[in-house]
Amino acid sequence: DGWLVKMESFDGGDTWTNGVETDFPNPNAATDLIKLKNGHVMLVYNDNMNDRTPLTVAVSTDGGETWPHKKNIGEGDNSFAYPVLIQAEDGKIHVIYTTNQRTTIMHVVFDEKTIME
């Protein structure tokens, strides 16, 4: 309860490992994870066990073993929900999410280096 769980498949999704609790808090909210073109893994999630704020992007350069790079892209009293990550052909990262009680859709665009700094 309150933490993201990591599971892996090594056969295209037919079977999965048992879930292992991670160090990522989660207030029972949606997350998204993608593998970038350079092999890095990017996660967008709410870095809070109780509230859907802040909205944070994290990057792993070792296949998800460690996550040393994190940056908040949404902060404050608002809630940030239902994030989706996309990497465009030009390499830019797009995050789409809702805010203002799910009445506003936000679109943020950045380079991976923005998170790595």
PDB file of N, CA and C in Angstrom:
ATOM      1  N   ASP A   1       0.823  -1.188   0.000  1.00  0.00           N
ATOM      2  CA  ASP A   1       0.000   0.000   0.000  1.00  0.00           C
ATOM      3  C   ASP A   1       0.867   1.251   0.000  1.00  0.00           C
ATOM      4  N   GLY A   2       0.598   2.148  -0.933  1.00  0.00           N
ATOM      5  CA  GLY A   2       1.297   3.412  -0.956  1.00  0.00           C
ATOM      6  C   GLY A   2       2.617   3.437  -1.700  1.00  0.00           C
ATOM      7  N   TRP A   3       3.004   2.320  -2.329  1.00  0.00           N
ATOM      8  CA  TRP A   3       4.272   2.247  -3.058  1.00  0.00           C
ATOM      9  C   TRP A   3       4.059   1.598  -4.416  1.00  0.00           C
ATOM     10  N   LEU A   4       4.822   2.048  -5.425  1.00  0.00           N
ATOM     11  CA  LEU A   4       4.796   1.366  -6.717  1.00  0.00           C
ATOM     12  C   LEU A   4       5.461   0.008  -6.573  1.00  0.00           C
ATOM     13  N   VAL A   5       4.963  -0.958  -7.328  1.00  0.00           N
ATOM     14  CA  VAL A   5       5.500  -2.316  -7.313  1.00  0.00           C
ATOM     15  C   VAL A   5       6.124  -2.601  -8.669  1.00  0.00           C
ATOM     16  N   LYS A   6       7.306  -3.209  -8.665  1.00  0.00           N
ATOM     17  CA  LYS A   6       8.017  -3.552  -9.900  1.00  0.00           C
ATOM     18  C   LYS A   6       7.818  -5.034 -10.202  1.00  0.00           C
ATOM     19  N   MET A   7       7.418  -5.319 -11.442  1.00  0.00           N
ATOM     20  CA  MET A   7       7.314  -6.688 -11.949  1.00  0.00           C
ATOM     21  C   MET A   7       7.993  -6.715 -13.310  1.00  0.00           C
ATOM     22  N   GLU A   8       8.612  -7.838 -13.666  1.00  0.00           N
ATOM     23  CA  GLU A   8       9.296  -7.948 -14.950  1.00  0.00           C
ATOM     24  C   GLU A   8       8.834  -9.191 -15.697  1.00  0.00           C
ATOM     25  N   SER A   9       8.843  -9.090 -17.016  1.00  0.00           N
ATOM     26  CA  SER A   9       8.565 -10.229 -17.887  1.00  0.00           C
ATOM     27  C   SER A   9       9.760 -10.419 -18.813  1.00  0.00           C
ATOM     28  N   PHE A  10      10.130 -11.661 -18.996  1.00  0.00           N
ATOM     29  CA  PHE A  10      11.257 -11.985 -19.876  1.00  0.00           C
ATOM     30  C   PHE A  10      10.812 -12.816 -21.074  1.00  0.00           C
ATOM     31  N   ASP A  11       9.485 -12.910 -21.269  1.00  0.00           N
ATOM     32  CA  ASP A  11       8.952 -13.720 -22.365  1.00  0.00           C
ATOM     33  C   ASP A  11       7.839 -12.995 -23.119  1.00  0.00           C
ATOM     34  N   GLY A  12       7.999 -11.685 -23.249  1.00  0.00           N
ATOM     35  CA  GLY A  12       7.025 -10.906 -24.011  1.00  0.00           C
ATOM     36  C   GLY A  12       5.713 -10.674 -23.289  1.00  0.00           C
ATOM     37  N   GLY A  13       5.682 -10.865 -21.982  1.00  0.00           N
ATOM     38  CA  GLY A  13       4.475 -10.589 -21.209  1.00  0.00           C
ATOM     39  C   GLY A  13       3.623 -11.796 -20.897  1.00  0.00           C
ATOM     40  N   ASP A  14       4.060 -12.994 -21.295  1.00  0.00           N
ATOM     41  CA  ASP A  14       3.284 -14.198 -20.975  1.00  0.00           C
ATOM     42  C   ASP A  14       3.303 -14.491 -19.480  1.00  0.00           C
ATOM     43  N   THR A  15       4.453 -14.320 -18.847  1.00  0.00           N
ATOM     44  CA  THR A  15       4.570 -14.525 -17.406  1.00  0.00           C
ATOM     45  C   THR A  15       5.316 -13.344 -16.798  1.00  0.00           C
ATOM     46  N   TRP A  16       5.128 -13.160 -15.490  1.00  0.00           N
ATOM     47  CA  TRP A  16       5.716 -12.022 -14.794  1.00  0.00           C
ATOM     48  C   TRP A  16       6.329 -12.473 -13.477  1.00  0.00           C
ATOM     49  N   THR A  17       7.371 -11.771 -13.040  1.00  0.00           N
ATOM     50  CA  THR A  17       7.961 -12.036 -11.733  1.00  0.00           C
ATOM     51  C   THR A  17       6.990 -11.565 -10.650  1.00  0.00           C
ATOM     52  N   ASN A  18       7.212 -12.021  -9.440  1.00  0.00           N
ATOM     53  CA  ASN A  18       6.430 -11.522  -8.313  1.00  0.00           C
ATOM     54  C   ASN A  18       6.730 -10.042  -8.118  1.00  0.00           C
ATOM     55  N   GLY A  19       5.751  -9.313  -7.642  1.00  0.00           N
ATOM     56  CA  GLY A  19       5.926  -7.888  -7.420  1.00  0.00           C
ATOM     57  C   GLY A  19       6.886  -7.593  -6.285  1.00  0.00           C
ATOM     58  N   VAL A  20       7.731  -6.593  -6.495  1.00  0.00           N
ATOM     59  CA  VAL A  20       8.681  -6.139  -5.483  1.00  0.00           C
ATOM     60  C   VAL A  20       8.414  -4.654  -5.232  1.00  0.00           C
ATOM     61  N   GLU A  21       8.209  -4.295  -3.977  1.00  0.00           N
ATOM     62  CA  GLU A  21       7.965  -2.900  -3.630  1.00  0.00           C
ATOM     63  C   GLU A  21       9.185  -2.047  -3.963  1.00  0.00           C
ATOM     64  N   THR A  22       8.941  -0.880  -4.562  1.00  0.00           N
ATOM     65  CA  THR A  22      10.018   0.047  -4.919  1.00  0.00           C
ATOM     66  C   THR A  22      10.103   1.176  -3.892  1.00  0.00           C
ATOM     67  N   ASP A  23      10.990   2.109  -4.143  1.00  0.00           N
ATOM     68  CA  ASP A  23      11.118   3.300  -3.296  1.00  0.00           C
ATOM     69  C   ASP A  23      10.241   4.452  -3.781  1.00  0.00           C
ATOM     70  N   PHE A  24       9.358   4.182  -4.748  1.00  0.00           N
ATOM     71  CA  PHE A  24       8.496   5.228  -5.294  1.00  0.00           C
ATOM     72  C   PHE A  24       7.158   5.242  -4.560  1.00  0.00           C
ATOM     73  N   PRO A  25       6.835   6.340  -3.847  1.00  0.00           N
ATOM     74  CA  PRO A  25       5.520   6.422  -3.211  1.00  0.00           C
ATOM     75  C   PRO A  25       4.440   6.543  -4.275  1.00  0.00           C
ATOM     76  N   ASN A  26       3.208   6.142  -3.908  1.00  0.00           N
ATOM     77  CA  ASN A  26       2.108   6.256  -4.856  1.00  0.00           C
ATOM     78  C   ASN A  26       0.794   6.416  -4.104  1.00  0.00           C
ATOM     79  N   PRO A  27       0.046   7.495  -4.386  1.00  0.00           N
ATOM     80  CA  PRO A  27      -1.228   7.740  -3.712  1.00  0.00           C
ATOM     81  C   PRO A  27      -2.397   7.063  -4.439  1.00  0.00           C
ATOM     82  N   ASN A  28      -2.190   5.832  -4.910  1.00  0.00           N
ATOM     83  CA  ASN A  28      -3.206   5.103  -5.674  1.00  0.00           C
ATOM     84  C   ASN A  28      -3.557   5.878  -6.946  1.00  0.00           C
ATOM     85  N   ALA A  29      -2.515   6.307  -7.655  1.00  0.00           N
ATOM     86  CA  ALA A  29      -2.679   7.138  -8.845  1.00  0.00           C
ATOM     87  C   ALA A  29      -1.991   6.494 -10.046  1.00  0.00           C
ATOM     88  N   ALA A  30      -2.438   6.879 -11.235  1.00  0.00           N
ATOM     89  CA  ALA A  30      -1.853   6.367 -12.475  1.00  0.00           C
ATOM     90  C   ALA A  30      -0.413   6.849 -12.630  1.00  0.00           C
ATOM     91  N   THR A  31       0.381   6.033 -13.296  1.00  0.00           N
ATOM     92  CA  THR A  31       1.766   6.350 -13.637  1.00  0.00           C
ATOM     93  C   THR A  31       1.981   5.962 -15.094  1.00  0.00           C
ATOM     94  N   ASP A  32       3.115   6.321 -15.653  1.00  0.00           N
ATOM     95  CA  ASP A  32       3.480   5.830 -16.985  1.00  0.00           C
ATOM     96  C   ASP A  32       4.990   5.658 -17.028  1.00  0.00           C
ATOM     97  N   LEU A  33       5.428   4.680 -17.819  1.00  0.00           N
ATOM     98  CA  LEU A  33       6.840   4.350 -17.927  1.00  0.00           C
ATOM     99  C   LEU A  33       7.128   3.996 -19.379  1.00  0.00           C
ATOM    100  N   ILE A  34       8.211   4.552 -19.931  1.00  0.00           N
ATOM    101  CA  ILE A  34       8.602   4.223 -21.300  1.00  0.00           C
ATOM    102  C   ILE A  34      10.105   3.985 -21.366  1.00  0.00           C
ATOM    103  N   LYS A  35      10.508   3.236 -22.371  1.00  0.00           N
ATOM    104  CA  LYS A  35      11.927   3.071 -22.684  1.00  0.00           C
ATOM    105  C   LYS A  35      12.253   4.067 -23.785  1.00  0.00           C
ATOM    106  N   LEU A  36      13.231   4.926 -23.526  1.00  0.00           N
ATOM    107  CA  LEU A  36      13.619   5.946 -24.494  1.00  0.00           C
ATOM    108  C   LEU A  36      14.466   5.345 -25.611  1.00  0.00           C
ATOM    109  N   LYS A  37      14.620   6.090 -26.677  1.00  0.00           N
ATOM    110  CA  LYS A  37      15.378   5.610 -27.841  1.00  0.00           C
ATOM    111  C   LYS A  37      16.829   5.288 -27.507  1.00  0.00           C
ATOM    112  N   ASN A  38      17.381   5.934 -26.480  1.00  0.00           N
ATOM    113  CA  ASN A  38      18.772   5.675 -26.089  1.00  0.00           C
ATOM    114  C   ASN A  38      18.892   4.537 -25.074  1.00  0.00           C
ATOM    115  N   GLY A  39      17.772   3.886 -24.753  1.00  0.00           N
ATOM    116  CA  GLY A  39      17.774   2.767 -23.819  1.00  0.00           C
ATOM    117  C   GLY A  39      17.467   3.143 -22.385  1.00  0.00           C
ATOM    118  N   HIS A  40      17.479   4.432 -22.060  1.00  0.00           N
ATOM    119  CA  HIS A  40      17.128   4.860 -20.706  1.00  0.00           C
ATOM    120  C   HIS A  40      15.641   4.611 -20.466  1.00  0.00           C
ATOM    121  N   VAL A  41      15.255   4.539 -19.205  1.00  0.00           N
ATOM    122  CA  VAL A  41      13.857   4.330 -18.836  1.00  0.00           C
ATOM    123  C   VAL A  41      13.365   5.586 -18.129  1.00  0.00           C
ATOM    124  N   MET A  42      12.151   6.029 -18.482  1.00  0.00           N
ATOM    125  CA  MET A  42      11.582   7.233 -17.890  1.00  0.00           C
ATOM    126  C   MET A  42      10.243   6.899 -17.251  1.00  0.00           C
ATOM    127  N   LEU A  43      10.037   7.430 -16.052  1.00  0.00           N
ATOM    128  CA  LEU A  43       8.820   7.207 -15.273  1.00  0.00           C
ATOM    129  C   LEU A  43       8.216   8.550 -14.908  1.00  0.00           C
ATOM    130  N   VAL A  44       6.888   8.670 -15.010  1.00  0.00           N
ATOM    131  CA  VAL A  44       6.183   9.844 -14.502  1.00  0.00           C
ATOM    132  C   VAL A  44       5.208   9.346 -13.439  1.00  0.00           C
ATOM    133  N   TYR A  45       5.206  10.018 -12.271  1.00  0.00           N
ATOM    134  CA  TYR A  45       4.424   9.544 -11.128  1.00  0.00           C
ATOM    135  C   TYR A  45       4.228  10.694 -10.141  1.00  0.00           C
ATOM    136  N   ASN A  46       3.342  10.486  -9.169  1.00  0.00           N
ATOM    137  CA  ASN A  46       3.167  11.444  -8.083  1.00  0.00           C
ATOM    138  C   ASN A  46       4.104  11.046  -6.952  1.00  0.00           C
ATOM    139  N   ASP A  47       5.067  11.894  -6.655  1.00  0.00           N
ATOM    140  CA  ASP A  47       6.079  11.596  -5.640  1.00  0.00           C
ATOM    141  C   ASP A  47       5.549  11.945  -4.247  1.00  0.00           C
ATOM    142  N   ASN A  48       4.479  11.251  -3.857  1.00  0.00           N
ATOM    143  CA  ASN A  48       3.814  11.524  -2.592  1.00  0.00           C
ATOM    144  C   ASN A  48       2.920  10.332  -2.273  1.00  0.00           C
ATOM    145  N   MET A  49       2.928   9.863  -1.055  1.00  0.00           N
ATOM    146  CA  MET A  49       2.125   8.704  -0.693  1.00  0.00           C
ATOM    147  C   MET A  49       0.649   9.045  -0.510  1.00  0.00           C
ATOM    148  N   ASN A  50       0.339  10.310  -0.232  1.00  0.00           N
ATOM    149  CA  ASN A  50      -1.033  10.669   0.120  1.00  0.00           C
ATOM    150  C   ASN A  50      -1.754  11.556  -0.886  1.00  0.00           C
ATOM    151  N   ASP A  51      -1.028  12.383  -1.619  1.00  0.00           N
ATOM    152  CA  ASP A  51      -1.653  13.349  -2.518  1.00  0.00           C
ATOM    153  C   ASP A  51      -1.097  13.222  -3.930  1.00  0.00           C
ATOM    154  N   ARG A  52      -1.865  13.685  -4.894  1.00  0.00           N
ATOM    155  CA  ARG A  52      -1.435  13.625  -6.293  1.00  0.00           C
ATOM    156  C   ARG A  52      -0.655  14.879  -6.687  1.00  0.00           C
ATOM    157  N   THR A  53       0.253  15.242  -5.859  1.00  0.00           N
ATOM    158  CA  THR A  53       1.184  16.332  -6.092  1.00  0.00           C
ATOM    159  C   THR A  53       2.448  16.053  -5.294  1.00  0.00           C
ATOM    160  N   PRO A  54       3.615  16.298  -5.805  1.00  0.00           N
ATOM    161  CA  PRO A  54       3.926  16.830  -7.132  1.00  0.00           C
ATOM    162  C   PRO A  54       3.828  15.747  -8.204  1.00  0.00           C
ATOM    163  N   LEU A  55       3.908  16.180  -9.460  1.00  0.00           N
ATOM    164  CA  LEU A  55       4.062  15.255 -10.579  1.00  0.00           C
ATOM    165  C   LEU A  55       5.544  15.258 -10.934  1.00  0.00           C
ATOM    166  N   THR A  56       6.145  14.082 -10.887  1.00  0.00           N
ATOM    167  CA  THR A  56       7.594  13.952 -10.996  1.00  0.00           C
ATOM    168  C   THR A  56       7.969  13.057 -12.166  1.00  0.00           C
ATOM    169  N   VAL A  57       9.049  13.415 -12.852  1.00  0.00           N
ATOM    170  CA  VAL A  57       9.631  12.569 -13.897  1.00  0.00           C
ATOM    171  C   VAL A  57      10.970  12.066 -13.374  1.00  0.00           C
ATOM    172  N   ALA A  58      11.200  10.758 -13.511  1.00  0.00           N
ATOM    173  CA  ALA A  58      12.463  10.149 -13.084  1.00  0.00           C
ATOM    174  C   ALA A  58      13.075   9.408 -14.263  1.00  0.00           C
ATOM    175  N   VAL A  59      14.414   9.362 -14.308  1.00  0.00           N
ATOM    176  CA  VAL A  59      15.130   8.671 -15.385  1.00  0.00           C
ATOM    177  C   VAL A  59      16.115   7.680 -14.779  1.00  0.00           C
ATOM    178  N   SER A  60      16.110   6.475 -15.352  1.00  0.00           N
ATOM    179  CA  SER A  60      17.080   5.440 -15.003  1.00  0.00           C
ATOM    180  C   SER A  60      17.958   5.179 -16.219  1.00  0.00           C
ATOM    181  N   THR A  61      19.264   5.111 -15.996  1.00  0.00           N
ATOM    182  CA  THR A  61      20.195   4.817 -17.091  1.00  0.00           C
ATOM    183  C   THR A  61      20.692   3.376 -17.029  1.00  0.00           C
ATOM    184  N   ASP A  62      20.179   2.597 -16.061  1.00  0.00           N
ATOM    185  CA  ASP A  62      20.625   1.207 -15.905  1.00  0.00           C
ATOM    186  C   ASP A  62      19.459   0.217 -15.907  1.00  0.00           C
ATOM    187  N   GLY A  63      18.471   0.486 -16.763  1.00  0.00           N
ATOM    188  CA  GLY A  63      17.366  -0.448 -16.925  1.00  0.00           C
ATOM    189  C   GLY A  63      16.379  -0.483 -15.777  1.00  0.00           C
ATOM    190  N   GLY A  64      16.351   0.544 -14.965  1.00  0.00           N
ATOM    191  CA  GLY A  64      15.389   0.612 -13.875  1.00  0.00           C
ATOM    192  C   GLY A  64      15.911   0.139 -12.532  1.00  0.00           C
ATOM    193  N   GLU A  65      17.196  -0.158 -12.462  1.00  0.00           N
ATOM    194  CA  GLU A  65      17.771  -0.585 -11.179  1.00  0.00           C
ATOM    195  C   GLU A  65      17.902   0.596 -10.220  1.00  0.00           C
ATOM    196  N   THR A  66      18.364   1.734 -10.727  1.00  0.00           N
ATOM    197  CA  THR A  66      18.473   2.948  -9.916  1.00  0.00           C
ATOM    198  C   THR A  66      17.846   4.110 -10.673  1.00  0.00           C
ATOM    199  N   TRP A  67      17.420   5.119  -9.926  1.00  0.00           N
ATOM    200  CA  TRP A  67      16.732   6.272 -10.493  1.00  0.00           C
ATOM    201  C   TRP A  67      17.338   7.563  -9.927  1.00  0.00           C
ATOM    202  N   PRO A  68      18.566   7.892 -10.315  1.00  0.00           N
ATOM    203  CA  PRO A  68      19.241   9.047  -9.716  1.00  0.00           C
ATOM    204  C   PRO A  68      18.771  10.408 -10.225  1.00  0.00           C
ATOM    205  N   HIS A  69      18.026  10.433 -11.307  1.00  0.00           N
ATOM    206  CA  HIS A  69      17.628  11.707 -11.919  1.00  0.00           C
ATOM    207  C   HIS A  69      16.122  11.897 -11.762  1.00  0.00           C
ATOM    208  N   LYS A  70      15.722  12.952 -11.047  1.00  0.00           N
ATOM    209  CA  LYS A  70      14.300  13.238 -10.829  1.00  0.00           C
ATOM    210  C   LYS A  70      14.066  14.739 -10.897  1.00  0.00           C
ATOM    211  N   LYS A  71      12.904  15.103 -11.435  1.00  0.00           N
ATOM    212  CA  LYS A  71      12.537  16.523 -11.480  1.00  0.00           C
ATOM    213  C   LYS A  71      11.018  16.636 -11.436  1.00  0.00           C
ATOM    214  N   ASN A  72      10.528  17.562 -10.625  1.00  0.00           N
ATOM    215  CA  ASN A  72       9.093  17.827 -10.575  1.00  0.00           C
ATOM    216  C   ASN A  72       8.696  18.678 -11.774  1.00  0.00           C
ATOM    217  N   ILE A  73       7.619  18.280 -12.437  1.00  0.00           N
ATOM    218  CA  ILE A  73       7.113  19.075 -13.561  1.00  0.00           C
ATOM    219  C   ILE A  73       5.771  19.708 -13.229  1.00  0.00           C
ATOM    220  N   GLY A  74       5.185  19.338 -12.106  1.00  0.00           N
ATOM    221  CA  GLY A  74       3.945  19.938 -11.618  1.00  0.00           C
ATOM    222  C   GLY A  74       3.983  19.980 -10.104  1.00  0.00           C
ATOM    223  N   GLU A  75       3.843  21.176  -9.529  1.00  0.00           N
ATOM    224  CA  GLU A  75       3.907  21.328  -8.076  1.00  0.00           C
ATOM    225  C   GLU A  75       2.813  22.272  -7.610  1.00  0.00           C
ATOM    226  N   GLY A  76       2.541  22.241  -6.315  1.00  0.00           N
ATOM    227  CA  GLY A  76       1.596  23.179  -5.736  1.00  0.00           C
ATOM    228  C   GLY A  76       0.412  22.473  -5.116  1.00  0.00           C
ATOM    229  N   ASP A  77      -0.638  23.251  -4.847  1.00  0.00           N
ATOM    230  CA  ASP A  77      -1.819  22.726  -4.171  1.00  0.00           C
ATOM    231  C   ASP A  77      -2.714  21.900  -5.080  1.00  0.00           C
ATOM    232  N   ASN A  78      -2.529  22.003  -6.376  1.00  0.00           N
ATOM    233  CA  ASN A  78      -3.360  21.276  -7.329  1.00  0.00           C
ATOM    234  C   ASN A  78      -3.037  19.795  -7.308  1.00  0.00           C
ATOM    235  N   SER A  79      -3.908  18.990  -7.886  1.00  0.00           N
ATOM    236  CA  SER A  79      -3.587  17.573  -8.076  1.00  0.00           C
ATOM    237  C   SER A  79      -3.241  17.367  -9.548  1.00  0.00           C
ATOM    238  N   PHE A  80      -2.346  16.420  -9.786  1.00  0.00           N
ATOM    239  CA  PHE A  80      -1.878  16.113 -11.133  1.00  0.00           C
ATOM    240  C   PHE A  80      -2.144  14.635 -11.358  1.00  0.00           C
ATOM    241  N   ALA A  81      -2.897  14.309 -12.409  1.00  0.00           N
ATOM    242  CA  ALA A  81      -3.369  12.934 -12.554  1.00  0.00           C
ATOM    243  C   ALA A  81      -3.300  12.450 -13.999  1.00  0.00           C
ATOM    244  N   TYR A  82      -3.352  11.142 -14.134  1.00  0.00           N
ATOM    245  CA  TYR A  82      -3.428  10.440 -15.422  1.00  0.00           C
ATOM    246  C   TYR A  82      -2.339  10.857 -16.410  1.00  0.00           C
ATOM    247  N   PRO A  83      -1.081  10.818 -15.989  1.00  0.00           N
ATOM    248  CA  PRO A  83       0.005  11.227 -16.888  1.00  0.00           C
ATOM    249  C   PRO A  83       0.280  10.191 -17.975  1.00  0.00           C
ATOM    250  N   VAL A  84       0.692  10.685 -19.124  1.00  0.00           N
ATOM    251  CA  VAL A  84       1.094   9.838 -20.249  1.00  0.00           C
ATOM    252  C   VAL A  84       2.414  10.386 -20.784  1.00  0.00           C
ATOM    253  N   LEU A  85       3.373   9.491 -21.018  1.00  0.00           N
ATOM    254  CA  LEU A  85       4.684   9.846 -21.576  1.00  0.00           C
ATOM    255  C   LEU A  85       4.767   9.397 -23.024  1.00  0.00           C
ATOM    256  N   ILE A  86       5.341  10.236 -23.868  1.00  0.00           N
ATOM    257  CA  ILE A  86       5.589   9.889 -25.272  1.00  0.00           C
ATOM    258  C   ILE A  86       6.944  10.482 -25.654  1.00  0.00           C
ATOM    259  N   GLN A  87       7.736   9.727 -26.402  1.00  0.00           N
ATOM    260  CA  GLN A  87       8.944  10.298 -26.993  1.00  0.00           C
ATOM    261  C   GLN A  87       8.699  10.436 -28.487  1.00  0.00           C
ATOM    262  N   ALA A  88       8.789  11.662 -28.984  1.00  0.00           N
ATOM    263  CA  ALA A  88       8.532  11.946 -30.392  1.00  0.00           C
ATOM    264  C   ALA A  88       9.733  11.549 -31.251  1.00  0.00           C
ATOM    265  N   GLU A  89       9.529  11.566 -32.555  1.00  0.00           N
ATOM    266  CA  GLU A  89      10.592  11.228 -33.508  1.00  0.00           C
ATOM    267  C   GLU A  89      11.831  12.102 -33.321  1.00  0.00           C
ATOM    268  N   ASP A  90      11.620  13.370 -32.936  1.00  0.00           N
ATOM    269  CA  ASP A  90      12.754  14.283 -32.749  1.00  0.00           C
ATOM    270  C   ASP A  90      13.456  14.096 -31.403  1.00  0.00           C
ATOM    271  N   GLY A  91      13.009  13.121 -30.612  1.00  0.00           N
ATOM    272  CA  GLY A  91      13.625  12.833 -29.325  1.00  0.00           C
ATOM    273  C   GLY A  91      13.019  13.583 -28.155  1.00  0.00           C
ATOM    274  N   LYS A  92      12.196  14.595 -28.435  1.00  0.00           N
ATOM    275  CA  LYS A  92      11.562  15.358 -27.358  1.00  0.00           C
ATOM    276  C   LYS A  92      10.596  14.463 -26.579  1.00  0.00           C
ATOM    277  N   ILE A  93      10.518  14.732 -25.272  1.00  0.00           N
ATOM    278  CA  ILE A  93       9.604  14.014 -24.396  1.00  0.00           C
ATOM    279  C   ILE A  93       8.351  14.863 -24.225  1.00  0.00           C
ATOM    280  N   HIS A  94       7.195  14.234 -24.371  1.00  0.00           N
ATOM    281  CA  HIS A  94       5.913  14.897 -24.163  1.00  0.00           C
ATOM    282  C   HIS A  94       5.219  14.224 -22.985  1.00  0.00           C
ATOM    283  N   VAL A  95       4.740  15.030 -22.041  1.00  0.00           N
ATOM    284  CA  VAL A  95       3.933  14.525 -20.937  1.00  0.00           C
ATOM    285  C   VAL A  95       2.584  15.220 -21.010  1.00  0.00           C
ATOM    286  N   ILE A  96       1.537  14.418 -21.033  1.00  0.00           N
ATOM    287  CA  ILE A  96       0.177  14.938 -21.015  1.00  0.00           C
ATOM    288  C   ILE A  96      -0.444  14.468 -19.708  1.00  0.00           C
ATOM    289  N   TYR A  97      -1.115  15.372 -18.987  1.00  0.00           N
ATOM    290  CA  TYR A  97      -1.737  15.002 -17.722  1.00  0.00           C
ATOM    291  C   TYR A  97      -2.902  15.946 -17.440  1.00  0.00           C
ATOM    292  N   THR A  98      -3.730  15.592 -16.463  1.00  0.00           N
ATOM    293  CA  THR A  98      -4.849  16.443 -16.081  1.00  0.00           C
ATOM    294  C   THR A  98      -4.539  17.155 -14.769  1.00  0.00           C
ATOM    295  N   THR A  99      -5.215  18.283 -14.579  1.00  0.00           N
ATOM    296  CA  THR A  99      -5.106  19.048 -13.339  1.00  0.00           C
ATOM    297  C   THR A  99      -6.435  19.775 -13.118  1.00  0.00           C
ATOM    298  N   ASN A 100      -6.543  20.556 -12.057  1.00  0.00           N
ATOM    299  CA  ASN A 100      -7.782  21.286 -11.737  1.00  0.00           C
ATOM    300  C   ASN A 100      -8.984  20.349 -11.685  1.00  0.00           C
ATOM    301  N   GLN A 101      -8.873  19.314 -10.849  1.00  0.00           N
ATOM    302  CA  GLN A 101      -9.964  18.337 -10.687  1.00  0.00           C
ATOM    303  C   GLN A 101     -10.327  17.673 -12.017  1.00  0.00           C
ATOM    304  N   ARG A 102      -9.309  17.406 -12.824  1.00  0.00           N
ATOM    305  CA  ARG A 102      -9.455  16.742 -14.126  1.00  0.00           C
ATOM    306  C   ARG A 102     -10.236  17.586 -15.142  1.00  0.00           C
ATOM    307  N   THR A 103     -10.249  18.907 -14.975  1.00  0.00           N
ATOM    308  CA  THR A 103     -10.947  19.776 -15.926  1.00  0.00           C
ATOM    309  C   THR A 103      -9.999  20.435 -16.921  1.00  0.00           C
ATOM    310  N   THR A 104      -8.695  20.314 -16.671  1.00  0.00           N
ATOM    311  CA  THR A 104      -7.694  20.923 -17.540  1.00  0.00           C
ATOM    312  C   THR A 104      -6.693  19.867 -17.972  1.00  0.00           C
ATOM    313  N   ILE A 105      -6.398  19.836 -19.257  1.00  0.00           N
ATOM    314  CA  ILE A 105      -5.377  18.931 -19.779  1.00  0.00           C
ATOM    315  C   ILE A 105      -4.129  19.753 -20.069  1.00  0.00           C
ATOM    316  N   MET A 106      -3.007  19.315 -19.514  1.00  0.00           N
ATOM    317  CA  MET A 106      -1.732  20.007 -19.683  1.00  0.00           C
ATOM    318  C   MET A 106      -0.827  19.205 -20.616  1.00  0.00           C
ATOM    319  N   HIS A 107       0.048  19.906 -21.333  1.00  0.00           N
ATOM    320  CA  HIS A 107       1.005  19.283 -22.244  1.00  0.00           C
ATOM    321  C   HIS A 107       2.351  19.959 -22.017  1.00  0.00           C
ATOM    322  N   VAL A 108       3.322  19.173 -21.575  1.00  0.00           N
ATOM    323  CA  VAL A 108       4.664  19.680 -21.295  1.00  0.00           C
ATOM    324  C   VAL A 108       5.639  18.984 -22.234  1.00  0.00           C
ATOM    325  N   VAL A 109       6.580  19.737 -22.818  1.00  0.00           N
ATOM    326  CA  VAL A 109       7.575  19.185 -23.739  1.00  0.00           C
ATOM    327  C   VAL A 109       8.965  19.557 -23.231  1.00  0.00           C
ATOM    328  N   PHE A 110       9.875  18.567 -23.223  1.00  0.00           N
ATOM    329  CA  PHE A 110      11.235  18.829 -22.755  1.00  0.00           C
ATOM    330  C   PHE A 110      12.184  17.789 -23.330  1.00  0.00           C
ATOM    331  N   ASP A 111      13.477  18.053 -23.191  1.00  0.00           N
ATOM    332  CA  ASP A 111      14.521  17.097 -23.542  1.00  0.00           C
ATOM    333  C   ASP A 111      14.872  16.282 -22.305  1.00  0.00           C
ATOM    334  N   GLU A 112      15.368  15.078 -22.498  1.00  0.00           N
ATOM    335  CA  GLU A 112      15.781  14.242 -21.372  1.00  0.00           C
ATOM    336  C   GLU A 112      16.811  14.962 -20.504  1.00  0.00           C
ATOM    337  N   LYS A 113      17.690  15.739 -21.122  1.00  0.00           N
ATOM    338  CA  LYS A 113      18.743  16.421 -20.359  1.00  0.00           C
ATOM    339  C   LYS A 113      18.165  17.362 -19.307  1.00  0.00           C
ATOM    340  N   THR A 114      16.943  17.847 -19.508  1.00  0.00           N
ATOM    341  CA  THR A 114      16.278  18.693 -18.520  1.00  0.00           C
ATOM    342  C   THR A 114      16.109  17.946 -17.199  1.00  0.00           C
ATOM    343  N   ILE A 115      15.814  16.673 -17.269  1.00  0.00           N
ATOM    344  CA  ILE A 115      15.635  15.855 -16.069  1.00  0.00           C
ATOM    345  C   ILE A 115      16.988  15.440 -15.502  1.00  0.00           C
ATOM    346  N   MET A 116      17.970  15.250 -16.367  1.00  0.00           N
ATOM    347  CA  MET A 116      19.282  14.753 -15.957  1.00  0.00           C
ATOM    348  C   MET A 116      20.126  15.815 -15.245  1.00  0.00           C
ATOM    349  N   GLU A 117      19.775  17.095 -15.408  1.00  0.00           N
ATOM    350  CA  GLU A 117      20.581  18.182 -14.819  1.00  0.00           C
ATOM    351  C   GLU A 117      20.427  18.233 -13.318  1.00  0.00           C
TER     352      GLU A 117
END
